[in-house]
Amino acid sequence: MEISQLLKGVLDLAVLAVLSEEDGYGYDVLRRLRQAGLDEVGDASVYGTLRRLYKAGLLASYVVASEEGPHRKYYSVNEQGRARLAESVKTWQTFATTMNSLLGDAR
């Protein structure tokens, strides 16, 4: 099974989860996802997901000056984003329980 295909379905959830812990800018979110074990996630996928979640009204953003280069655009999860995260967590937990049950005999 291709990890990249699985990531497409859960990247929104993963990004919202990371940002719910602490605000972050694009590369920071990518780094934290990879540190969590999602090594296969691509730069373009994360940046695209951040833009899409922002346009959907699930994230807020603000700019912070950087001494090491250009200003950084930080993202944070807003109230709508927290509601979507809670809903997505329930969906994921139900799905994971079902898959674990189905795969129980195959292990």
PDB file of N, CA and C in Angstrom:
ATOM      1  N   MET A   1       0.852  -1.170   0.000  1.00  0.00           N
ATOM      2  CA  MET A   1       0.000   0.000   0.000  1.00  0.00           C
ATOM      3  C   MET A   1       0.902   1.238   0.000  1.00  0.00           C
ATOM      4  N   GLU A   2       0.544   2.201  -0.801  1.00  0.00           N
ATOM      5  CA  GLU A   2       1.331   3.424  -0.930  1.00  0.00           C
ATOM      6  C   GLU A   2       0.981   4.413   0.178  1.00  0.00           C
ATOM      7  N   ILE A   3       1.988   4.829   0.915  1.00  0.00           N
ATOM      8  CA  ILE A   3       1.797   5.812   1.985  1.00  0.00           C
ATOM      9  C   ILE A   3       1.271   7.127   1.406  1.00  0.00           C
ATOM     10  N   SER A   4       1.748   7.495   0.217  1.00  0.00           N
ATOM     11  CA  SER A   4       1.328   8.767  -0.386  1.00  0.00           C
ATOM     12  C   SER A   4      -0.178   8.800  -0.615  1.00  0.00           C
ATOM     13  N   GLN A   5      -0.767   7.672  -0.945  1.00  0.00           N
ATOM     14  CA  GLN A   5      -2.218   7.622  -1.141  1.00  0.00           C
ATOM     15  C   GLN A   5      -2.963   7.787   0.182  1.00  0.00           C
ATOM     16  N   LEU A   6      -2.441   7.178   1.234  1.00  0.00           N
ATOM     17  CA  LEU A   6      -3.053   7.333   2.552  1.00  0.00           C
ATOM     18  C   LEU A   6      -2.945   8.774   3.038  1.00  0.00           C
ATOM     19  N   LEU A   7      -1.794   9.405   2.777  1.00  0.00           N
ATOM     20  CA  LEU A   7      -1.579  10.784   3.214  1.00  0.00           C
ATOM     21  C   LEU A   7      -2.592  11.743   2.604  1.00  0.00           C
ATOM     22  N   LYS A   8      -2.952  11.518   1.358  1.00  0.00           N
ATOM     23  CA  LYS A   8      -3.916  12.401   0.686  1.00  0.00           C
ATOM     24  C   LYS A   8      -5.223  12.483   1.464  1.00  0.00           C
ATOM     25  N   GLY A   9      -5.614  11.380   2.061  1.00  0.00           N
ATOM     26  CA  GLY A   9      -6.874  11.342   2.780  1.00  0.00           C
ATOM     27  C   GLY A   9      -6.825  11.896   4.190  1.00  0.00           C
ATOM     28  N   VAL A  10      -5.625  12.006   4.750  1.00  0.00           N
ATOM     29  CA  VAL A  10      -5.536  12.421   6.153  1.00  0.00           C
ATOM     30  C   VAL A  10      -4.666  13.655   6.396  1.00  0.00           C
ATOM     31  N   LEU A  11      -4.167  14.264   5.329  1.00  0.00           N
ATOM     32  CA  LEU A  11      -3.265  15.403   5.519  1.00  0.00           C
ATOM     33  C   LEU A  11      -3.961  16.592   6.178  1.00  0.00           C
ATOM     34  N   ASP A  12      -5.211  16.858   5.817  1.00  0.00           N
ATOM     35  CA  ASP A  12      -5.954  17.936   6.477  1.00  0.00           C
ATOM     36  C   ASP A  12      -6.000  17.709   7.988  1.00  0.00           C
ATOM     37  N   LEU A  13      -6.342  16.500   8.381  1.00  0.00           N
ATOM     38  CA  LEU A  13      -6.421  16.145   9.797  1.00  0.00           C
ATOM     39  C   LEU A  13      -5.064  16.302  10.468  1.00  0.00           C
ATOM     40  N   ALA A  14      -4.013  15.830   9.823  1.00  0.00           N
ATOM     41  CA  ALA A  14      -2.674  15.907  10.403  1.00  0.00           C
ATOM     42  C   ALA A  14      -2.224  17.363  10.572  1.00  0.00           C
ATOM     43  N   VAL A  15      -2.476  18.201   9.580  1.00  0.00           N
ATOM     44  CA  VAL A  15      -2.087  19.614   9.663  1.00  0.00           C
ATOM     45  C   VAL A  15      -2.883  20.323  10.756  1.00  0.00           C
ATOM     46  N   LEU A  16      -4.180  20.085  10.809  1.00  0.00           N
ATOM     47  CA  LEU A  16      -4.991  20.696  11.869  1.00  0.00           C
ATOM     48  C   LEU A  16      -4.514  20.243  13.250  1.00  0.00           C
ATOM     49  N   ALA A  17      -4.165  18.968  13.379  1.00  0.00           N
ATOM     50  CA  ALA A  17      -3.691  18.455  14.670  1.00  0.00           C
ATOM     51  C   ALA A  17      -2.390  19.129  15.084  1.00  0.00           C
ATOM     52  N   VAL A  18      -1.452  19.262  14.158  1.00  0.00           N
ATOM     53  CA  VAL A  18      -0.167  19.896  14.456  1.00  0.00           C
ATOM     54  C   VAL A  18      -0.375  21.355  14.851  1.00  0.00           C
ATOM     55  N   LEU A  19      -1.212  22.062  14.102  1.00  0.00           N
ATOM     56  CA  LEU A  19      -1.434  23.485  14.389  1.00  0.00           C
ATOM     57  C   LEU A  19      -2.289  23.709  15.631  1.00  0.00           C
ATOM     58  N   SER A  20      -3.051  22.707  16.047  1.00  0.00           N
ATOM     59  CA  SER A  20      -3.847  22.869  17.264  1.00  0.00           C
ATOM     60  C   SER A  20      -2.948  22.854  18.503  1.00  0.00           C
ATOM     61  N   GLU A  21      -1.777  22.247  18.365  1.00  0.00           N
ATOM     62  CA  GLU A  21      -0.821  22.209  19.471  1.00  0.00           C
ATOM     63  C   GLU A  21      -0.050  23.515  19.589  1.00  0.00           C
ATOM     64  N   GLU A  22       0.306  24.087  18.420  1.00  0.00           N
ATOM     65  CA  GLU A  22       1.091  25.321  18.400  1.00  0.00           C
ATOM     66  C   GLU A  22       1.036  25.910  16.997  1.00  0.00           C
ATOM     67  N   ASP A  23       0.873  27.229  16.902  1.00  0.00           N
ATOM     68  CA  ASP A  23       0.884  27.905  15.611  1.00  0.00           C
ATOM     69  C   ASP A  23       2.186  27.589  14.880  1.00  0.00           C
ATOM     70  N   GLY A  24       2.159  27.695  13.556  1.00  0.00           N
ATOM     71  CA  GLY A  24       3.378  27.432  12.807  1.00  0.00           C
ATOM     72  C   GLY A  24       3.323  27.979  11.401  1.00  0.00           C
ATOM     73  N   TYR A  25       4.490  28.126  10.782  1.00  0.00           N
ATOM     74  CA  TYR A  25       4.605  28.539   9.388  1.00  0.00           C
ATOM     75  C   TYR A  25       4.840  27.285   8.550  1.00  0.00           C
ATOM     76  N   GLY A  26       4.806  27.430   7.240  1.00  0.00           N
ATOM     77  CA  GLY A  26       4.837  26.277   6.347  1.00  0.00           C
ATOM     78  C   GLY A  26       5.911  25.254   6.622  1.00  0.00           C
ATOM     79  N   TYR A  27       7.174  25.687   6.613  1.00  0.00           N
ATOM     80  CA  TYR A  27       8.257  24.726   6.815  1.00  0.00           C
ATOM     81  C   TYR A  27       8.210  24.117   8.217  1.00  0.00           C
ATOM     82  N   ASP A  28       7.801  24.902   9.198  1.00  0.00           N
ATOM     83  CA  ASP A  28       7.683  24.396  10.571  1.00  0.00           C
ATOM     84  C   ASP A  28       6.645  23.275  10.643  1.00  0.00           C
ATOM     85  N   VAL A  29       5.514  23.461   9.977  1.00  0.00           N
ATOM     86  CA  VAL A  29       4.463  22.429   9.956  1.00  0.00           C
ATOM     87  C   VAL A  29       5.006  21.166   9.288  1.00  0.00           C
ATOM     88  N   LEU A  30       5.689  21.339   8.172  1.00  0.00           N
ATOM     89  CA  LEU A  30       6.287  20.203   7.462  1.00  0.00           C
ATOM     90  C   LEU A  30       7.266  19.453   8.369  1.00  0.00           C
ATOM     91  N   ARG A  31       8.135  20.175   9.049  1.00  0.00           N
ATOM     92  CA  ARG A  31       9.122  19.577   9.951  1.00  0.00           C
ATOM     93  C   ARG A  31       8.444  18.796  11.070  1.00  0.00           C
ATOM     94  N   ARG A  32       7.401  19.372  11.654  1.00  0.00           N
ATOM     95  CA  ARG A  32       6.706  18.710  12.759  1.00  0.00           C
ATOM     96  C   ARG A  32       5.970  17.457  12.293  1.00  0.00           C
ATOM     97  N   LEU A  33       5.405  17.490  11.099  1.00  0.00           N
ATOM     98  CA  LEU A  33       4.751  16.294  10.554  1.00  0.00           C
ATOM     99  C   LEU A  33       5.774  15.185  10.342  1.00  0.00           C
ATOM    100  N   ARG A  34       6.930  15.555   9.810  1.00  0.00           N
ATOM    101  CA  ARG A  34       7.973  14.558   9.575  1.00  0.00           C
ATOM    102  C   ARG A  34       8.520  14.020  10.891  1.00  0.00           C
ATOM    103  N   GLN A  35       8.673  14.875  11.892  1.00  0.00           N
ATOM    104  CA  GLN A  35       9.135  14.419  13.208  1.00  0.00           C
ATOM    105  C   GLN A  35       8.136  13.450  13.830  1.00  0.00           C
ATOM    106  N   ALA A  36       6.866  13.627  13.509  1.00  0.00           N
ATOM    107  CA  ALA A  36       5.831  12.742  14.050  1.00  0.00           C
ATOM    108  C   ALA A  36       5.793  11.390  13.337  1.00  0.00           C
ATOM    109  N   GLY A  37       6.556  11.267  12.232  1.00  0.00           N
ATOM    110  CA  GLY A  37       6.608   9.987  11.522  1.00  0.00           C
ATOM    111  C   GLY A  37       6.050  10.014  10.118  1.00  0.00           C
ATOM    112  N   LEU A  38       5.542  11.146   9.667  1.00  0.00           N
ATOM    113  CA  LEU A  38       5.016  11.250   8.306  1.00  0.00           C
ATOM    114  C   LEU A  38       6.135  11.702   7.371  1.00  0.00           C
ATOM    115  N   ASP A  39       7.141  10.842   7.225  1.00  0.00           N
ATOM    116  CA  ASP A  39       8.326  11.165   6.433  1.00  0.00           C
ATOM    117  C   ASP A  39       8.024  11.368   4.952  1.00  0.00           C
ATOM    118  N   GLU A  40       6.968  10.763   4.478  1.00  0.00           N
ATOM    119  CA  GLU A  40       6.638  10.802   3.051  1.00  0.00           C
ATOM    120  C   GLU A  40       5.950  12.086   2.611  1.00  0.00           C
ATOM    121  N   VAL A  41       5.531  12.914   3.554  1.00  0.00           N
ATOM    122  CA  VAL A  41       4.776  14.107   3.194  1.00  0.00           C
ATOM    123  C   VAL A  41       5.675  15.086   2.442  1.00  0.00           C
ATOM    124  N   GLY A  42       5.143  15.626   1.351  1.00  0.00           N
ATOM    125  CA  GLY A  42       5.912  16.537   0.509  1.00  0.00           C
ATOM    126  C   GLY A  42       5.676  17.996   0.834  1.00  0.00           C
ATOM    127  N   ASP A  43       6.667  18.813   0.510  1.00  0.00           N
ATOM    128  CA  ASP A  43       6.578  20.251   0.749  1.00  0.00           C
ATOM    129  C   ASP A  43       5.334  20.848   0.105  1.00  0.00           C
ATOM    130  N   ALA A  44       5.166  20.576  -1.186  1.00  0.00           N
ATOM    131  CA  ALA A  44       4.053  21.171  -1.931  1.00  0.00           C
ATOM    132  C   ALA A  44       2.708  20.749  -1.352  1.00  0.00           C
ATOM    133  N   SER A  45       2.618  19.521  -0.872  1.00  0.00           N
ATOM    134  CA  SER A  45       1.365  19.044  -0.287  1.00  0.00           C
ATOM    135  C   SER A  45       1.000  19.832   0.962  1.00  0.00           C
ATOM    136  N   VAL A  46       1.991  20.092   1.808  1.00  0.00           N
ATOM    137  CA  VAL A  46       1.740  20.826   3.052  1.00  0.00           C
ATOM    138  C   VAL A  46       1.367  22.275   2.754  1.00  0.00           C
ATOM    139  N   TYR A  47       2.139  22.924   1.880  1.00  0.00           N
ATOM    140  CA  TYR A  47       1.836  24.322   1.550  1.00  0.00           C
ATOM    141  C   TYR A  47       0.463  24.449   0.900  1.00  0.00           C
ATOM    142  N   GLY A  48       0.127  23.518   0.017  1.00  0.00           N
ATOM    143  CA  GLY A  48      -1.192  23.525  -0.612  1.00  0.00           C
ATOM    144  C   GLY A  48      -2.309  23.295   0.393  1.00  0.00           C
ATOM    145  N   THR A  49      -2.078  22.404   1.325  1.00  0.00           N
ATOM    146  CA  THR A  49      -3.071  22.122   2.368  1.00  0.00           C
ATOM    147  C   THR A  49      -3.276  23.341   3.255  1.00  0.00           C
ATOM    148  N   LEU A  50      -2.200  24.009   3.632  1.00  0.00           N
ATOM    149  CA  LEU A  50      -2.333  25.227   4.451  1.00  0.00           C
ATOM    150  C   LEU A  50      -3.161  26.281   3.722  1.00  0.00           C
ATOM    151  N   ARG A  51      -2.871  26.503   2.447  1.00  0.00           N
ATOM    152  CA  ARG A  51      -3.642  27.498   1.663  1.00  0.00           C
ATOM    153  C   ARG A  51      -5.105  27.108   1.575  1.00  0.00           C
ATOM    154  N   ARG A  52      -5.371  25.827   1.317  1.00  0.00           N
ATOM    155  CA  ARG A  52      -6.755  25.367   1.171  1.00  0.00           C
ATOM    156  C   ARG A  52      -7.522  25.479   2.481  1.00  0.00           C
ATOM    157  N   LEU A  53      -6.904  25.079   3.593  1.00  0.00           N
ATOM    158  CA  LEU A  53      -7.567  25.180   4.897  1.00  0.00           C
ATOM    159  C   LEU A  53      -7.819  26.643   5.272  1.00  0.00           C
ATOM    160  N   TYR A  54      -6.889  27.513   4.908  1.00  0.00           N
ATOM    161  CA  TYR A  54      -7.066  28.952   5.168  1.00  0.00           C
ATOM    162  C   TYR A  54      -8.234  29.500   4.350  1.00  0.00           C
ATOM    163  N   LYS A  55      -8.271  29.159   3.061  1.00  0.00           N
ATOM    164  CA  LYS A  55      -9.366  29.630   2.191  1.00  0.00           C
ATOM    165  C   LYS A  55     -10.713  29.078   2.634  1.00  0.00           C
ATOM    166  N   ALA A  56     -10.714  27.900   3.242  1.00  0.00           N
ATOM    167  CA  ALA A  56     -11.953  27.282   3.722  1.00  0.00           C
ATOM    168  C   ALA A  56     -12.409  27.885   5.044  1.00  0.00           C
ATOM    169  N   GLY A  57     -11.614  28.792   5.600  1.00  0.00           N
ATOM    170  CA  GLY A  57     -11.997  29.451   6.844  1.00  0.00           C
ATOM    171  C   GLY A  57     -11.681  28.664   8.104  1.00  0.00           C
ATOM    172  N   LEU A  58     -10.780  27.677   7.993  1.00  0.00           N
ATOM    173  CA  LEU A  58     -10.448  26.833   9.138  1.00  0.00           C
ATOM    174  C   LEU A  58      -9.178  27.286   9.860  1.00  0.00           C
ATOM    175  N   LEU A  59      -8.424  28.168   9.218  1.00  0.00           N
ATOM    176  CA  LEU A  59      -7.186  28.694   9.793  1.00  0.00           C
ATOM    177  C   LEU A  59      -7.184  30.212   9.747  1.00  0.00           C
ATOM    178  N   ALA A  60      -6.515  30.801  10.695  1.00  0.00           N
ATOM    179  CA  ALA A  60      -6.214  32.233  10.672  1.00  0.00           C
ATOM    180  C   ALA A  60      -4.726  32.349  10.369  1.00  0.00           C
ATOM    181  N   SER A  61      -4.290  33.528   9.940  1.00  0.00           N
ATOM    182  CA  SER A  61      -2.866  33.702   9.675  1.00  0.00           C
ATOM    183  C   SER A  61      -2.403  35.073  10.155  1.00  0.00           C
ATOM    184  N   TYR A  62      -1.115  35.158  10.392  1.00  0.00           N
ATOM    185  CA  TYR A  62      -0.487  36.423  10.765  1.00  0.00           C
ATOM    186  C   TYR A  62       0.980  36.359  10.348  1.00  0.00           C
ATOM    187  N   VAL A  63       1.582  37.519  10.161  1.00  0.00           N
ATOM    188  CA  VAL A  63       2.963  37.596   9.687  1.00  0.00           C
ATOM    189  C   VAL A  63       3.876  37.994  10.842  1.00  0.00           C
ATOM    190  N   VAL A  64       5.023  37.324  10.914  1.00  0.00           N
ATOM    191  CA  VAL A  64       6.020  37.607  11.945  1.00  0.00           C
ATOM    192  C   VAL A  64       7.341  37.928  11.249  1.00  0.00           C
ATOM    193  N   ALA A  65       7.959  39.023  11.646  1.00  0.00           N
ATOM    194  CA  ALA A  65       9.256  39.395  11.082  1.00  0.00           C
ATOM    195  C   ALA A  65      10.305  38.366  11.472  1.00  0.00           C
ATOM    196  N   SER A  66      11.217  38.107  10.554  1.00  0.00           N
ATOM    197  CA  SER A  66      12.288  37.146  10.807  1.00  0.00           C
ATOM    198  C   SER A  66      13.627  37.844  10.645  1.00  0.00           C
ATOM    199  N   GLU A  67      14.517  37.592  11.571  1.00  0.00           N
ATOM    200  CA  GLU A  67      15.864  38.167  11.491  1.00  0.00           C
ATOM    201  C   GLU A  67      16.732  37.410  10.488  1.00  0.00           C
ATOM    202  N   GLU A  68      16.308  36.235  10.097  1.00  0.00           N
ATOM    203  CA  GLU A  68      17.104  35.368   9.223  1.00  0.00           C
ATOM    204  C   GLU A  68      16.644  35.387   7.775  1.00  0.00           C
ATOM    205  N   GLY A  69      15.740  36.247   7.399  1.00  0.00           N
ATOM    206  CA  GLY A  69      15.261  36.263   6.026  1.00  0.00           C
ATOM    207  C   GLY A  69      13.909  36.930   5.935  1.00  0.00           C
ATOM    208  N   PRO A  70      13.114  36.489   4.957  1.00  0.00           N
ATOM    209  CA  PRO A  70      11.808  37.126   4.772  1.00  0.00           C
ATOM    210  C   PRO A  70      10.857  36.865   5.948  1.00  0.00           C
ATOM    211  N   HIS A  71       9.855  37.699   6.042  1.00  0.00           N
ATOM    212  CA  HIS A  71       8.833  37.512   7.077  1.00  0.00           C
ATOM    213  C   HIS A  71       8.187  36.148   6.897  1.00  0.00           C
ATOM    214  N   ARG A  72       7.693  35.598   7.994  1.00  0.00           N
ATOM    215  CA  ARG A  72       7.046  34.282   7.946  1.00  0.00           C
ATOM    216  C   ARG A  72       5.555  34.422   8.203  1.00  0.00           C
ATOM    217  N   LYS A  73       4.787  33.701   7.401  1.00  0.00           N
ATOM    218  CA  LYS A  73       3.335  33.679   7.578  1.00  0.00           C
ATOM    219  C   LYS A  73       3.000  32.494   8.482  1.00  0.00           C
ATOM    220  N   TYR A  74       2.507  32.806   9.667  1.00  0.00           N
ATOM    221  CA  TYR A  74       2.116  31.784  10.631  1.00  0.00           C
ATOM    222  C   TYR A  74       0.636  31.477  10.489  1.00  0.00           C
ATOM    223  N   TYR A  75       0.287  30.232  10.758  1.00  0.00           N
ATOM    224  CA  TYR A  75      -1.106  29.801  10.726  1.00  0.00           C
ATOM    225  C   TYR A  75      -1.509  29.312  12.113  1.00  0.00           C
ATOM    226  N   SER A  76      -2.767  29.539  12.438  1.00  0.00           N
ATOM    227  CA  SER A  76      -3.332  29.034  13.691  1.00  0.00           C
ATOM    228  C   SER A  76      -4.720  28.479  13.397  1.00  0.00           C
ATOM    229  N   VAL A  77      -5.144  27.536  14.209  1.00  0.00           N
ATOM    230  CA  VAL A  77      -6.470  26.939  14.042  1.00  0.00           C
ATOM    231  C   VAL A  77      -7.487  27.844  14.730  1.00  0.00           C
ATOM    232  N   ASN A  78      -8.503  28.256  13.985  1.00  0.00           N
ATOM    233  CA  ASN A  78      -9.551  29.093  14.568  1.00  0.00           C
ATOM    234  C   ASN A  78     -10.700  28.213  15.083  1.00  0.00           C
ATOM    235  N   GLU A  79     -11.773  28.843  15.510  1.00  0.00           N
ATOM    236  CA  GLU A  79     -12.896  28.095  16.090  1.00  0.00           C
ATOM    237  C   GLU A  79     -13.490  27.090  15.103  1.00  0.00           C
ATOM    238  N   GLN A  80     -13.655  27.523  13.848  1.00  0.00           N
ATOM    239  CA  GLN A  80     -14.188  26.603  12.830  1.00  0.00           C
ATOM    240  C   GLN A  80     -13.226  25.433  12.606  1.00  0.00           C
ATOM    241  N   GLY A  81     -11.938  25.734  12.629  1.00  0.00           N
ATOM    242  CA  GLY A  81     -10.936  24.687  12.455  1.00  0.00           C
ATOM    243  C   GLY A  81     -10.943  23.691  13.598  1.00  0.00           C
ATOM    244  N   ARG A  82     -11.147  24.190  14.816  1.00  0.00           N
ATOM    245  CA  ARG A  82     -11.213  23.284  15.982  1.00  0.00           C
ATOM    246  C   ARG A  82     -12.428  22.367  15.881  1.00  0.00           C
ATOM    247  N   ALA A  83     -13.543  22.928  15.407  1.00  0.00           N
ATOM    248  CA  ALA A  83     -14.752  22.115  15.223  1.00  0.00           C
ATOM    249  C   ALA A  83     -14.510  21.037  14.167  1.00  0.00           C
ATOM    250  N   ARG A  84     -13.854  21.400  13.055  1.00  0.00           N
ATOM    251  CA  ARG A  84     -13.555  20.431  12.001  1.00  0.00           C
ATOM    252  C   ARG A  84     -12.584  19.376  12.511  1.00  0.00           C
ATOM    253  N   LEU A  85     -11.606  19.790  13.303  1.00  0.00           N
ATOM    254  CA  LEU A  85     -10.648  18.843  13.868  1.00  0.00           C
ATOM    255  C   LEU A  85     -11.361  17.830  14.755  1.00  0.00           C
ATOM    256  N   ALA A  86     -12.228  18.298  15.627  1.00  0.00           N
ATOM    257  CA  ALA A  86     -12.965  17.395  16.523  1.00  0.00           C
ATOM    258  C   ALA A  86     -13.813  16.406  15.721  1.00  0.00           C
ATOM    259  N   GLU A  87     -14.473  16.899  14.699  1.00  0.00           N
ATOM    260  CA  GLU A  87     -15.299  16.045  13.834  1.00  0.00           C
ATOM    261  C   GLU A  87     -14.425  15.028  13.102  1.00  0.00           C
ATOM    262  N   SER A  88     -13.296  15.471  12.586  1.00  0.00           N
ATOM    263  CA  SER A  88     -12.400  14.587  11.837  1.00  0.00           C
ATOM    264  C   SER A  88     -11.755  13.542  12.733  1.00  0.00           C
ATOM    265  N   VAL A  89     -11.458  13.905  13.967  1.00  0.00           N
ATOM    266  CA  VAL A  89     -10.888  12.937  14.915  1.00  0.00           C
ATOM    267  C   VAL A  89     -11.885  11.805  15.159  1.00  0.00           C
ATOM    268  N   LYS A  90     -13.149  12.153  15.354  1.00  0.00           N
ATOM    269  CA  LYS A  90     -14.175  11.115  15.565  1.00  0.00           C
ATOM    270  C   LYS A  90     -14.279  10.206  14.346  1.00  0.00           C
ATOM    271  N   THR A  91     -14.290  10.802  13.164  1.00  0.00           N
ATOM    272  CA  THR A  91     -14.373  10.025  11.924  1.00  0.00           C
ATOM    273  C   THR A  91     -13.173   9.097  11.804  1.00  0.00           C
ATOM    274  N   TRP A  92     -11.969   9.634  12.065  1.00  0.00           N
ATOM    275  CA  TRP A  92     -10.747   8.838  11.979  1.00  0.00           C
ATOM    276  C   TRP A  92     -10.775   7.684  12.981  1.00  0.00           C
ATOM    277  N   GLN A  93     -11.178   7.952  14.214  1.00  0.00           N
ATOM    278  CA  GLN A  93     -11.192   6.906  15.242  1.00  0.00           C
ATOM    279  C   GLN A  93     -12.157   5.777  14.866  1.00  0.00           C
ATOM    280  N   THR A  94     -13.309   6.131  14.330  1.00  0.00           N
ATOM    281  CA  THR A  94     -14.274   5.119  13.885  1.00  0.00           C
ATOM    282  C   THR A  94     -13.692   4.294  12.744  1.00  0.00           C
ATOM    283  N   PHE A  95     -13.089   4.982  11.783  1.00  0.00           N
ATOM    284  CA  PHE A  95     -12.493   4.307  10.629  1.00  0.00           C
ATOM    285  C   PHE A  95     -11.348   3.388  11.066  1.00  0.00           C
ATOM    286  N   ALA A  96     -10.474   3.893  11.933  1.00  0.00           N
ATOM    287  CA  ALA A  96      -9.327   3.108  12.391  1.00  0.00           C
ATOM    288  C   ALA A  96      -9.787   1.879  13.167  1.00  0.00           C
ATOM    289  N   THR A  97     -10.816   2.026  13.987  1.00  0.00           N
ATOM    290  CA  THR A  97     -11.352   0.888  14.742  1.00  0.00           C
ATOM    291  C   THR A  97     -11.888  -0.170  13.790  1.00  0.00           C
ATOM    292  N   THR A  98     -12.607   0.277  12.772  1.00  0.00           N
ATOM    293  CA  THR A  98     -13.155  -0.654  11.773  1.00  0.00           C
ATOM    294  C   THR A  98     -12.037  -1.380  11.039  1.00  0.00           C
ATOM    295  N   MET A  99     -11.021  -0.640  10.598  1.00  0.00           N
ATOM    296  CA  MET A  99      -9.912  -1.270   9.866  1.00  0.00           C
ATOM    297  C   MET A  99      -9.132  -2.223  10.768  1.00  0.00           C
ATOM    298  N   ASN A 100      -8.900  -1.838  12.013  1.00  0.00           N
ATOM    299  CA  ASN A 100      -8.194  -2.726  12.936  1.00  0.00           C
ATOM    300  C   ASN A 100      -8.979  -4.030  13.141  1.00  0.00           C
ATOM    301  N   SER A 101     -10.282  -3.905  13.199  1.00  0.00           N
ATOM    302  CA  SER A 101     -11.128  -5.094  13.360  1.00  0.00           C
ATOM    303  C   SER A 101     -11.044  -5.983  12.118  1.00  0.00           C
ATOM    304  N   LEU A 102     -11.119  -5.347  10.949  1.00  0.00           N
ATOM    305  CA  LEU A 102     -11.039  -6.114   9.702  1.00  0.00           C
ATOM    306  C   LEU A 102      -9.679  -6.781   9.530  1.00  0.00           C
ATOM    307  N   LEU A 103      -8.632  -6.102   9.945  1.00  0.00           N
ATOM    308  CA  LEU A 103      -7.290  -6.627   9.770  1.00  0.00           C
ATOM    309  C   LEU A 103      -6.843  -7.558  10.877  1.00  0.00           C
ATOM    310  N   GLY A 104      -7.642  -7.657  11.912  1.00  0.00           N
ATOM    311  CA  GLY A 104      -7.277  -8.497  13.056  1.00  0.00           C
ATOM    312  C   GLY A 104      -6.928  -9.926  12.660  1.00  0.00           C
ATOM    313  N   ASP A 105      -7.691 -10.482  11.732  1.00  0.00           N
ATOM    314  CA  ASP A 105      -7.456 -11.861  11.310  1.00  0.00           C
ATOM    315  C   ASP A 105      -6.269 -11.973  10.358  1.00  0.00           C
ATOM    316  N   ALA A 106      -5.920 -10.862   9.704  1.00  0.00           N
ATOM    317  CA  ALA A 106      -4.861 -10.900   8.714  1.00  0.00           C
ATOM    318  C   ALA A 106      -3.464 -10.713   9.315  1.00  0.00           C
ATOM    319  N   ARG A 107      -3.396 -10.385  10.584  1.00  0.00           N
ATOM    320  CA  ARG A 107      -2.077 -10.116  11.211  1.00  0.00           C
ATOM    321  C   ARG A 107      -1.316 -11.360  11.450  1.00  0.00           C
TER     322      ARG A 107
END
